Amino acid sequence: MQSQLTNTASTRGRSTVVVQAYVLIQTEVGKAADVAHTVAEIKGVTLAEDVTGPYDVIVRAEAKNVDELGKLVVARVQSVDGITRTLTCPVVHI
């Protein structure tokens, strides 16, 4: 079954989403809820939820290409106060 968010094409001048990824985030103790709320407001982030386990927040992100995804994660997500580490997992359609 294919993911709810699939590759989309621009038909009316909107940007094309071709790269999607999950970003697994570790935070400082007690910061998961604040980080999830802050990251959820970043353009390109479609979902941010606090979770339990080795990671504290899982984010679903999308961009028009890999370079833009990298900029989103490095420049925007990783700069959020309270984040200690991220792991980006691009979505593939096999």
Protein backbone atom coordinates (compact mmCIF):
# COMPACT_ATOMS: atom_id res chain seq x y z
CA MET A 1 0.00 0.00 0.00
CA GLN A 2 1.42 3.37 -0.95
CA SER A 3 1.79 6.13 1.62
CA GLN A 4 -0.88 8.78 2.04
CA LEU A 5 1.63 11.41 0.95
CA THR A 6 2.82 10.48 -2.51
CA ASN A 7 4.90 12.28 -5.07
CA THR A 8 2.88 15.12 -6.52
CA ALA A 9 3.21 17.12 -9.71
CA SER A 10 2.56 20.79 -10.14
CA THR A 11 -0.44 21.61 -12.27
CA ARG A 12 -1.11 25.20 -11.23
CA GLY A 13 2.28 26.70 -10.45
CA ARG A 14 2.60 25.07 -7.03
CA SER A 15 5.91 23.59 -5.99
CA THR A 16 6.39 19.90 -6.67
CA VAL A 17 7.03 17.55 -3.78
CA VAL A 18 9.32 14.73 -4.82
CA VAL A 19 11.24 13.91 -1.64
CA GLN A 20 9.70 12.84 1.64
CA ALA A 21 11.44 11.73 4.80
CA TYR A 22 10.99 10.87 8.43
CA VAL A 23 13.29 12.75 10.77
CA LEU A 24 13.93 10.98 14.08
CA ILE A 25 14.86 13.43 16.81
CA GLN A 26 16.50 13.03 20.20
CA THR A 27 15.96 15.90 22.62
CA GLU A 28 17.20 17.11 25.95
CA VAL A 29 15.32 15.56 28.87
CA GLY A 30 11.86 17.09 29.22
CA LYS A 31 11.99 18.97 25.89
CA ALA A 32 10.15 16.56 23.56
CA ALA A 33 6.75 18.29 23.65
CA ASP A 34 8.26 21.75 23.11
CA VAL A 35 10.45 20.49 20.26
CA ALA A 36 7.52 18.72 18.55
CA HIS A 37 5.37 21.85 18.78
CA THR A 38 8.12 24.13 17.44
CA VAL A 39 9.15 21.79 14.61
CA ALA A 40 5.51 21.32 13.55
CA GLU A 41 5.41 25.03 12.63
CA ILE A 42 8.32 24.78 10.16
CA LYS A 43 7.37 24.99 6.48
CA GLY A 44 7.93 21.59 4.89
CA VAL A 45 7.07 19.65 8.05
CA THR A 46 3.77 17.82 7.63
CA LEU A 47 3.69 16.02 10.98
CA ALA A 48 5.60 16.15 14.27
CA GLU A 49 4.75 13.87 17.19
CA ASP A 50 6.40 13.04 20.49
CA VAL A 51 7.00 9.33 20.93
CA THR A 52 8.62 6.95 23.38
CA GLY A 53 11.69 4.83 22.72
CA PRO A 54 15.19 5.76 21.58
CA TYR A 55 13.86 8.88 19.83
CA ASP A 56 11.69 11.55 21.39
CA VAL A 57 10.05 13.14 18.33
CA ILE A 58 9.27 11.79 14.87
CA VAL A 59 8.76 14.27 12.04
CA ARG A 60 7.39 13.76 8.54
CA ALA A 61 8.90 16.27 6.10
CA GLU A 62 8.71 16.95 2.40
CA ALA A 63 10.69 19.00 -0.11
CA LYS A 64 11.05 19.43 -3.85
CA ASN A 65 14.47 17.76 -3.96
CA VAL A 66 17.17 16.22 -1.76
CA ASP A 67 19.09 19.49 -1.47
CA GLU A 68 16.00 21.31 -0.19
CA LEU A 69 15.33 18.47 2.26
CA GLY A 70 18.89 18.79 3.55
CA LYS A 71 18.48 22.54 4.00
CA LEU A 72 15.19 21.99 5.83
CA VAL A 73 16.75 19.52 8.26
CA VAL A 74 20.11 21.23 8.80
CA ALA A 75 19.12 24.90 8.74
CA ARG A 76 15.61 24.78 10.21
CA VAL A 77 14.98 21.59 12.20
CA GLN A 78 18.42 21.16 13.79
CA SER A 79 18.44 24.79 14.92
CA VAL A 80 15.43 24.23 17.23
CA ASP A 81 16.40 24.62 20.88
CA GLY A 82 16.44 21.33 22.78
CA ILE A 83 17.40 19.02 19.90
CA THR A 84 20.53 16.97 20.53
CA ARG A 85 20.56 14.63 17.48
CA THR A 86 18.62 13.87 14.30
CA LEU A 87 18.47 10.94 11.92
CA THR A 88 16.88 11.53 8.50
CA CYS A 89 15.22 8.56 6.77
CA PRO A 90 14.12 9.33 3.19
CA VAL A 91 10.98 7.54 2.00
CA VAL A 92 11.49 5.19 -0.94
CA HIS A 93 8.86 3.57 -3.14
CA ILE A 94 10.05 0.07 -4.04
